[in-house]
């Protein structure tokens, strides 16, 4: 039952960060452990997609419904796959100087005890690596002038 909640201020606009996170087809290009992604259906502000994740000897496919509230929020609802449950959201809060506070939350549990224990050992490190991948992607897309310090 790993859970991670984090708020992080980034020097990009909510619109830019929303566009980056909602562009799920690009995830295999930069997101660790994302081996593939296929959009099954796209309707207005809802996307149904299959994602293949790989970690060491494990490879799993799962299906989600991604609900988009433009420039404000992205909610991921688990539909099918190796999890007992998966809850995930991104909230984009506008701040001064055209910065954005991202409120990120993920909570899940695998059906497989072996997979759950394997992921549990590296969960916090894995989530940090994923969040950092989004931050680096923002820098790559939106440029040096907004590069996060540190």
N, C-alpha and C. Protein backbone atom coordinates (compact mmCIF):
# COMPACT_ATOMS: atom_id res chain seq x y z
N UNK A 1 0.81 -1.19 0.00
CA UNK A 1 0.00 0.00 0.00
C UNK A 1 0.86 1.26 0.00
N UNK A 2 1.83 1.35 -0.90
CA UNK A 2 2.65 2.56 -0.97
C UNK A 2 1.79 3.78 -1.31
N UNK A 3 2.06 4.86 -0.62
CA UNK A 3 1.38 6.13 -0.87
C UNK A 3 2.44 7.21 -0.92
N UNK A 4 2.26 8.15 -1.84
CA UNK A 4 3.17 9.28 -1.90
C UNK A 4 2.35 10.53 -2.22
N UNK A 5 2.53 11.55 -1.41
CA UNK A 5 1.90 12.86 -1.64
C UNK A 5 3.00 13.90 -1.57
N UNK A 6 2.99 14.80 -2.54
CA UNK A 6 4.04 15.81 -2.59
C UNK A 6 3.52 17.05 -3.28
N UNK A 7 3.96 18.20 -2.78
CA UNK A 7 3.72 19.47 -3.45
C UNK A 7 5.07 20.02 -3.83
N UNK A 8 5.16 20.51 -5.07
CA UNK A 8 6.44 21.02 -5.56
C UNK A 8 6.17 22.26 -6.41
N UNK A 9 6.88 23.34 -6.12
CA UNK A 9 6.76 24.56 -6.92
C UNK A 9 7.77 24.51 -8.05
N UNK A 10 7.28 24.78 -9.25
CA UNK A 10 8.14 24.80 -10.43
C UNK A 10 7.98 26.12 -11.17
N UNK A 11 9.04 26.58 -11.83
CA UNK A 11 9.01 27.88 -12.50
C UNK A 11 8.40 27.82 -13.91
N UNK A 12 7.28 27.13 -14.01
CA UNK A 12 6.55 27.01 -15.27
C UNK A 12 5.09 27.32 -14.99
N UNK A 13 4.36 27.67 -16.02
CA UNK A 13 2.95 28.00 -15.82
C UNK A 13 2.13 26.73 -15.60
N UNK A 14 0.99 26.84 -14.92
CA UNK A 14 0.09 25.69 -14.79
C UNK A 14 -0.30 25.14 -16.17
N UNK A 15 -0.52 26.01 -17.14
CA UNK A 15 -0.90 25.55 -18.48
C UNK A 15 0.19 24.69 -19.10
N UNK A 16 1.45 25.12 -18.95
CA UNK A 16 2.56 24.35 -19.51
C UNK A 16 2.70 22.98 -18.83
N UNK A 17 2.63 22.96 -17.51
CA UNK A 17 2.79 21.70 -16.80
C UNK A 17 1.60 20.77 -17.02
N UNK A 18 0.42 21.34 -17.09
CA UNK A 18 -0.76 20.54 -17.42
C UNK A 18 -0.58 19.90 -18.80
N UNK A 19 -0.13 20.67 -19.78
CA UNK A 19 0.07 20.16 -21.14
C UNK A 19 1.08 19.02 -21.13
N UNK A 20 2.14 19.16 -20.36
CA UNK A 20 3.18 18.13 -20.29
C UNK A 20 2.62 16.84 -19.69
N UNK A 21 1.93 16.93 -18.56
CA UNK A 21 1.42 15.74 -17.87
C UNK A 21 0.28 15.09 -18.65
N UNK A 22 -0.54 15.89 -19.31
CA UNK A 22 -1.68 15.33 -20.04
C UNK A 22 -1.29 14.72 -21.38
N UNK A 23 -0.07 14.93 -21.83
CA UNK A 23 0.41 14.37 -23.09
C UNK A 23 0.92 12.95 -22.85
N UNK A 24 0.01 12.07 -22.47
CA UNK A 24 0.40 10.73 -22.02
C UNK A 24 1.07 9.89 -23.09
N UNK A 25 0.78 10.16 -24.35
CA UNK A 25 1.41 9.39 -25.43
C UNK A 25 2.93 9.52 -25.42
N UNK A 26 3.45 10.60 -24.85
CA UNK A 26 4.90 10.85 -24.81
C UNK A 26 5.59 10.17 -23.62
N UNK A 27 4.84 9.62 -22.68
CA UNK A 27 5.44 9.04 -21.48
C UNK A 27 6.57 8.04 -21.77
N UNK A 28 6.42 7.14 -22.75
CA UNK A 28 7.52 6.20 -22.98
C UNK A 28 8.83 6.87 -23.38
N UNK A 29 8.78 8.11 -23.84
CA UNK A 29 10.00 8.83 -24.24
C UNK A 29 10.85 9.28 -23.06
N UNK A 30 10.23 9.46 -21.89
CA UNK A 30 10.99 10.04 -20.78
C UNK A 30 10.71 9.45 -19.41
N UNK A 31 9.64 8.72 -19.25
CA UNK A 31 9.24 8.25 -17.92
C UNK A 31 9.87 6.89 -17.62
N UNK A 32 10.65 6.81 -16.53
CA UNK A 32 11.27 5.54 -16.17
C UNK A 32 10.23 4.43 -16.01
N UNK A 33 10.56 3.27 -16.46
CA UNK A 33 9.75 2.06 -16.35
C UNK A 33 8.50 2.05 -17.23
N UNK A 34 8.25 3.11 -17.97
CA UNK A 34 7.13 3.11 -18.91
C UNK A 34 7.63 2.53 -20.23
N UNK A 35 7.25 1.30 -20.48
CA UNK A 35 7.73 0.58 -21.67
C UNK A 35 6.86 0.86 -22.89
N UNK A 36 5.62 1.27 -22.67
CA UNK A 36 4.73 1.54 -23.78
C UNK A 36 3.41 2.10 -23.30
N UNK A 37 2.71 2.76 -24.21
CA UNK A 37 1.41 3.33 -23.88
C UNK A 37 0.56 3.35 -25.14
N UNK A 38 -0.68 2.91 -24.99
CA UNK A 38 -1.61 2.90 -26.11
C UNK A 38 -2.92 3.54 -25.67
N UNK A 39 -3.34 4.56 -26.40
CA UNK A 39 -4.63 5.19 -26.12
C UNK A 39 -5.71 4.34 -26.77
N UNK A 40 -6.63 3.86 -25.96
CA UNK A 40 -7.76 3.06 -26.46
C UNK A 40 -8.88 3.94 -26.99
N UNK A 41 -9.13 5.02 -26.26
CA UNK A 41 -10.25 5.89 -26.61
C UNK A 41 -9.99 7.28 -26.05
N UNK A 42 -10.38 8.28 -26.82
CA UNK A 42 -10.25 9.67 -26.37
C UNK A 42 -11.57 10.36 -26.66
N UNK A 43 -12.19 10.90 -25.63
CA UNK A 43 -13.46 11.63 -25.76
C UNK A 43 -13.37 12.88 -24.92
N UNK A 44 -13.50 14.03 -25.56
CA UNK A 44 -13.47 15.32 -24.86
C UNK A 44 -12.35 15.33 -23.82
N UNK A 45 -12.69 15.27 -22.54
CA UNK A 45 -11.69 15.36 -21.47
C UNK A 45 -11.45 14.04 -20.75
N UNK A 46 -11.66 12.93 -21.47
CA UNK A 46 -11.41 11.61 -20.89
C UNK A 46 -10.60 10.77 -21.87
N UNK A 47 -9.55 10.14 -21.35
CA UNK A 47 -8.71 9.25 -22.15
C UNK A 47 -8.69 7.90 -21.46
N UNK A 48 -8.94 6.84 -22.23
CA UNK A 48 -8.73 5.48 -21.72
C UNK A 48 -7.46 4.96 -22.38
N UNK A 49 -6.54 4.46 -21.55
CA UNK A 49 -5.23 4.06 -22.08
C UNK A 49 -4.70 2.83 -21.36
N UNK A 50 -3.88 2.08 -22.11
CA UNK A 50 -3.12 0.96 -21.55
C UNK A 50 -1.68 1.40 -21.41
N UNK A 51 -1.10 1.11 -20.26
CA UNK A 51 0.31 1.41 -20.04
C UNK A 51 1.02 0.11 -19.69
N UNK A 52 2.21 -0.08 -20.25
CA UNK A 52 3.05 -1.21 -19.89
C UNK A 52 4.21 -0.67 -19.08
N UNK A 53 4.35 -1.21 -17.86
CA UNK A 53 5.46 -0.82 -17.00
C UNK A 53 6.39 -2.02 -16.82
N UNK A 54 7.67 -1.74 -16.75
CA UNK A 54 8.64 -2.79 -16.55
C UNK A 54 9.62 -2.41 -15.46
N UNK A 55 9.90 -3.35 -14.60
CA UNK A 55 10.86 -3.13 -13.52
C UNK A 55 11.56 -4.45 -13.25
N UNK A 56 12.87 -4.47 -13.48
CA UNK A 56 13.67 -5.70 -13.35
C UNK A 56 13.03 -6.80 -14.19
N UNK A 57 12.66 -7.92 -13.57
CA UNK A 57 12.08 -9.03 -14.33
C UNK A 57 10.57 -8.91 -14.51
N UNK A 58 9.98 -7.89 -13.93
CA UNK A 58 8.52 -7.72 -13.99
C UNK A 58 8.12 -6.84 -15.16
N UNK A 59 7.04 -7.22 -15.82
CA UNK A 59 6.44 -6.41 -16.88
C UNK A 59 4.94 -6.58 -16.74
N UNK A 60 4.23 -5.47 -16.57
CA UNK A 60 2.79 -5.51 -16.35
C UNK A 60 2.09 -4.47 -17.21
N UNK A 61 0.88 -4.81 -17.64
CA UNK A 61 0.04 -3.88 -18.40
C UNK A 61 -1.19 -3.56 -17.55
N UNK A 62 -1.57 -2.28 -17.55
CA UNK A 62 -2.80 -1.91 -16.86
C UNK A 62 -3.54 -0.84 -17.65
N UNK A 63 -4.82 -0.75 -17.38
CA UNK A 63 -5.69 0.18 -18.09
C UNK A 63 -6.22 1.23 -17.11
N UNK A 64 -6.22 2.48 -17.56
CA UNK A 64 -6.72 3.58 -16.73
C UNK A 64 -7.66 4.47 -17.52
N UNK A 65 -8.47 5.20 -16.79
CA UNK A 65 -9.27 6.29 -17.35
C UNK A 65 -8.68 7.57 -16.78
N UNK A 66 -8.23 8.43 -17.68
CA UNK A 66 -7.61 9.69 -17.29
C UNK A 66 -8.62 10.80 -17.53
N UNK A 67 -9.01 11.48 -16.45
CA UNK A 67 -9.97 12.58 -16.54
C UNK A 67 -9.21 13.90 -16.48
N UNK A 68 -9.46 14.73 -17.48
CA UNK A 68 -8.74 15.98 -17.62
C UNK A 68 -9.64 17.17 -17.30
N UNK A 69 -9.22 17.99 -16.36
CA UNK A 69 -9.87 19.26 -16.07
C UNK A 69 -8.85 20.31 -16.50
N UNK A 70 -8.99 20.83 -17.73
CA UNK A 70 -7.93 21.62 -18.36
C UNK A 70 -7.27 22.67 -17.47
N UNK A 71 -5.94 22.54 -17.39
CA UNK A 71 -5.04 23.43 -16.67
C UNK A 71 -5.24 23.43 -15.17
N UNK A 72 -6.11 22.56 -14.65
CA UNK A 72 -6.40 22.55 -13.22
C UNK A 72 -6.02 21.22 -12.56
N UNK A 73 -6.47 20.10 -13.18
CA UNK A 73 -6.36 18.81 -12.49
C UNK A 73 -6.39 17.66 -13.49
N UNK A 74 -5.66 16.59 -13.14
CA UNK A 74 -5.71 15.33 -13.89
C UNK A 74 -5.90 14.22 -12.86
N UNK A 75 -6.94 13.42 -13.07
CA UNK A 75 -7.23 12.27 -12.19
C UNK A 75 -7.09 10.99 -12.98
N UNK A 76 -6.44 10.00 -12.37
CA UNK A 76 -6.25 8.71 -13.02
C UNK A 76 -7.05 7.68 -12.23
N UNK A 77 -7.95 7.00 -12.94
CA UNK A 77 -8.79 5.97 -12.34
C UNK A 77 -8.36 4.61 -12.90
N UNK A 78 -8.08 3.69 -12.04
CA UNK A 78 -7.66 2.35 -12.42
C UNK A 78 -8.85 1.54 -12.90
N UNK A 79 -8.68 0.84 -14.03
CA UNK A 79 -9.76 0.01 -14.57
C UNK A 79 -9.43 -1.48 -14.58
N UNK A 80 -8.19 -1.83 -14.96
CA UNK A 80 -7.88 -3.25 -15.12
C UNK A 80 -6.37 -3.46 -15.09
N UNK A 81 -5.94 -4.59 -14.53
CA UNK A 81 -4.53 -4.92 -14.54
C UNK A 81 -4.07 -5.55 -13.24
N UNK A 82 -2.79 -5.35 -12.88
CA UNK A 82 -2.17 -6.08 -11.77
C UNK A 82 -2.42 -5.47 -10.38
N UNK A 83 -3.16 -4.38 -10.32
CA UNK A 83 -3.36 -3.71 -9.03
C UNK A 83 -4.65 -4.16 -8.35
N UNK A 84 -4.66 -4.09 -7.02
CA UNK A 84 -5.92 -4.16 -6.28
C UNK A 84 -6.63 -2.84 -6.46
N UNK A 85 -5.83 -1.75 -6.40
CA UNK A 85 -6.35 -0.41 -6.63
C UNK A 85 -5.21 0.51 -7.00
N UNK A 86 -5.55 1.63 -7.60
CA UNK A 86 -4.59 2.68 -7.95
C UNK A 86 -5.33 4.00 -7.92
N UNK A 87 -4.86 4.93 -7.12
CA UNK A 87 -5.40 6.29 -7.07
C UNK A 87 -4.27 7.26 -7.37
N UNK A 88 -4.52 8.18 -8.29
CA UNK A 88 -3.47 9.11 -8.69
C UNK A 88 -4.11 10.42 -9.14
N UNK A 89 -3.51 11.53 -8.70
CA UNK A 89 -3.96 12.83 -9.22
C UNK A 89 -2.79 13.80 -9.32
N UNK A 90 -2.98 14.76 -10.20
CA UNK A 90 -2.09 15.91 -10.35
C UNK A 90 -2.98 17.14 -10.26
N UNK A 91 -2.65 18.08 -9.39
CA UNK A 91 -3.38 19.35 -9.30
C UNK A 91 -2.37 20.46 -9.57
N UNK A 92 -2.77 21.41 -10.42
CA UNK A 92 -1.88 22.48 -10.86
C UNK A 92 -2.38 23.80 -10.29
N UNK A 93 -1.68 24.33 -9.28
CA UNK A 93 -2.08 25.57 -8.61
C UNK A 93 -1.21 26.73 -9.09
N UNK A 94 -1.87 27.77 -9.56
CA UNK A 94 -1.17 28.96 -10.03
C UNK A 94 -0.53 29.70 -8.86
N UNK A 95 0.68 30.19 -9.10
CA UNK A 95 1.40 30.94 -8.08
C UNK A 95 1.94 32.23 -8.71
N UNK A 96 2.56 33.05 -7.89
CA UNK A 96 3.15 34.30 -8.37
C UNK A 96 4.24 34.00 -9.41
N UNK A 97 4.56 35.01 -10.21
CA UNK A 97 5.63 34.93 -11.22
C UNK A 97 5.41 33.83 -12.26
N UNK A 98 4.15 33.50 -12.52
CA UNK A 98 3.79 32.47 -13.49
C UNK A 98 4.40 31.11 -13.13
N UNK A 99 4.55 30.86 -11.84
CA UNK A 99 5.01 29.57 -11.35
C UNK A 99 3.78 28.70 -11.08
N UNK A 100 4.06 27.42 -10.85
CA UNK A 100 2.98 26.48 -10.57
C UNK A 100 3.38 25.59 -9.41
N UNK A 101 2.44 25.37 -8.51
CA UNK A 101 2.61 24.37 -7.47
C UNK A 101 1.88 23.12 -7.95
N UNK A 102 2.63 22.04 -8.06
CA UNK A 102 2.03 20.76 -8.43
C UNK A 102 1.74 20.00 -7.15
N UNK A 103 0.52 19.54 -7.03
CA UNK A 103 0.09 18.68 -5.93
C UNK A 103 -0.05 17.29 -6.55
N UNK A 104 0.88 16.40 -6.21
CA UNK A 104 0.92 15.06 -6.78
C UNK A 104 0.59 14.04 -5.71
N UNK A 105 -0.24 13.05 -6.07
CA UNK A 105 -0.63 12.01 -5.12
C UNK A 105 -0.74 10.69 -5.87
N UNK A 106 -0.17 9.64 -5.30
CA UNK A 106 -0.34 8.29 -5.84
C UNK A 106 -0.44 7.30 -4.67
N UNK A 107 -1.36 6.36 -4.80
CA UNK A 107 -1.58 5.32 -3.80
C UNK A 107 -2.00 4.07 -4.57
N UNK A 108 -1.34 2.96 -4.31
CA UNK A 108 -1.70 1.74 -5.03
C UNK A 108 -1.31 0.51 -4.23
N UNK A 109 -1.87 -0.61 -4.65
CA UNK A 109 -1.47 -1.91 -4.10
C UNK A 109 -1.58 -2.93 -5.22
N UNK A 110 -0.52 -3.72 -5.39
CA UNK A 110 -0.53 -4.80 -6.37
C UNK A 110 -1.29 -6.00 -5.82
N UNK A 111 -1.89 -6.76 -6.71
CA UNK A 111 -2.52 -8.03 -6.30
C UNK A 111 -1.45 -9.04 -5.86
N UNK A 112 -0.32 -9.06 -6.57
CA UNK A 112 0.76 -10.00 -6.29
C UNK A 112 1.55 -9.55 -5.06
N UNK A 113 1.63 -10.41 -4.06
CA UNK A 113 2.39 -10.10 -2.86
C UNK A 113 3.87 -9.94 -3.20
N UNK A 114 4.38 -10.77 -4.10
CA UNK A 114 5.79 -10.70 -4.49
C UNK A 114 6.09 -9.35 -5.14
N UNK A 115 5.25 -8.95 -6.08
CA UNK A 115 5.45 -7.68 -6.76
C UNK A 115 5.30 -6.51 -5.78
N UNK A 116 4.33 -6.60 -4.89
CA UNK A 116 4.11 -5.55 -3.89
C UNK A 116 5.34 -5.39 -3.00
N UNK A 117 5.91 -6.49 -2.55
CA UNK A 117 7.09 -6.43 -1.68
C UNK A 117 8.30 -5.90 -2.44
N UNK A 118 8.44 -6.31 -3.70
CA UNK A 118 9.57 -5.84 -4.52
C UNK A 118 9.49 -4.34 -4.72
N UNK A 119 8.32 -3.84 -5.09
CA UNK A 119 8.14 -2.41 -5.33
C UNK A 119 8.21 -1.63 -4.01
N UNK A 120 7.68 -2.21 -2.94
CA UNK A 120 7.68 -1.52 -1.66
C UNK A 120 9.06 -1.12 -1.20
N UNK A 121 10.06 -1.93 -1.51
CA UNK A 121 11.44 -1.66 -1.09
C UNK A 121 11.99 -0.41 -1.77
N UNK A 122 11.61 -0.18 -3.02
CA UNK A 122 12.18 0.93 -3.79
C UNK A 122 11.14 2.02 -4.12
N UNK A 123 9.97 1.94 -3.52
CA UNK A 123 8.86 2.81 -3.90
C UNK A 123 9.20 4.30 -3.83
N UNK A 124 9.69 4.77 -2.69
CA UNK A 124 9.96 6.21 -2.55
C UNK A 124 11.00 6.69 -3.56
N UNK A 125 12.03 5.90 -3.75
CA UNK A 125 13.06 6.24 -4.74
C UNK A 125 12.45 6.26 -6.15
N UNK A 126 11.60 5.29 -6.45
CA UNK A 126 10.98 5.21 -7.77
C UNK A 126 10.07 6.40 -8.04
N UNK A 127 9.28 6.79 -7.05
CA UNK A 127 8.37 7.94 -7.23
C UNK A 127 9.19 9.21 -7.43
N UNK A 128 10.24 9.40 -6.65
CA UNK A 128 11.08 10.58 -6.83
C UNK A 128 11.69 10.62 -8.22
N UNK A 129 12.12 9.46 -8.70
CA UNK A 129 12.70 9.38 -10.04
C UNK A 129 11.66 9.75 -11.10
N UNK A 130 10.42 9.31 -10.91
CA UNK A 130 9.36 9.64 -11.87
C UNK A 130 9.03 11.14 -11.83
N UNK A 131 8.88 11.70 -10.66
CA UNK A 131 8.57 13.13 -10.55
C UNK A 131 9.71 13.96 -11.13
N UNK A 132 10.94 13.56 -10.84
CA UNK A 132 12.10 14.26 -11.42
C UNK A 132 12.11 14.16 -12.94
N UNK A 133 11.65 13.03 -13.48
CA UNK A 133 11.59 12.87 -14.94
C UNK A 133 10.62 13.88 -15.55
N UNK A 134 9.50 14.13 -14.89
CA UNK A 134 8.56 15.15 -15.37
C UNK A 134 9.18 16.54 -15.29
N UNK A 135 9.90 16.81 -14.20
CA UNK A 135 10.54 18.11 -14.04
C UNK A 135 11.62 18.32 -15.11
N UNK A 136 12.42 17.31 -15.38
CA UNK A 136 13.44 17.42 -16.43
C UNK A 136 12.80 17.57 -17.81
N UNK A 137 11.68 16.90 -18.02
CA UNK A 137 10.97 17.03 -19.29
C UNK A 137 10.47 18.47 -19.46
N UNK A 138 9.98 19.08 -18.39
CA UNK A 138 9.54 20.48 -18.45
C UNK A 138 10.70 21.37 -18.85
N UNK A 139 11.86 21.15 -18.26
CA UNK A 139 13.05 21.94 -18.61
C UNK A 139 13.40 21.74 -20.09
N UNK A 140 13.35 20.50 -20.54
CA UNK A 140 13.69 20.19 -21.93
C UNK A 140 12.72 20.88 -22.90
N UNK A 141 11.45 20.88 -22.58
CA UNK A 141 10.44 21.45 -23.47
C UNK A 141 10.36 22.97 -23.36
N UNK A 142 10.40 23.50 -22.13
CA UNK A 142 10.12 24.92 -21.92
C UNK A 142 11.35 25.79 -21.75
N UNK A 143 12.54 25.18 -21.74
CA UNK A 143 13.75 25.98 -21.87
C UNK A 143 14.55 26.27 -20.63
N UNK A 144 15.78 26.70 -20.90
CA UNK A 144 16.80 26.99 -19.90
C UNK A 144 16.41 28.14 -18.98
N UNK A 145 15.75 29.19 -19.52
CA UNK A 145 15.45 30.37 -18.70
C UNK A 145 14.59 30.03 -17.49
N UNK A 146 13.83 28.96 -17.57
CA UNK A 146 12.98 28.55 -16.45
C UNK A 146 13.53 27.36 -15.68
N UNK A 147 14.76 27.01 -15.93
CA UNK A 147 15.32 25.81 -15.32
C UNK A 147 15.28 25.88 -13.80
N UNK A 148 14.75 24.83 -13.17
CA UNK A 148 14.74 24.81 -11.71
C UNK A 148 16.15 24.86 -11.14
N UNK A 149 16.34 25.60 -10.08
CA UNK A 149 17.64 25.70 -9.41
C UNK A 149 17.79 24.55 -8.43
N UNK A 150 19.03 24.08 -8.28
CA UNK A 150 19.28 23.07 -7.26
C UNK A 150 19.62 21.80 -7.77
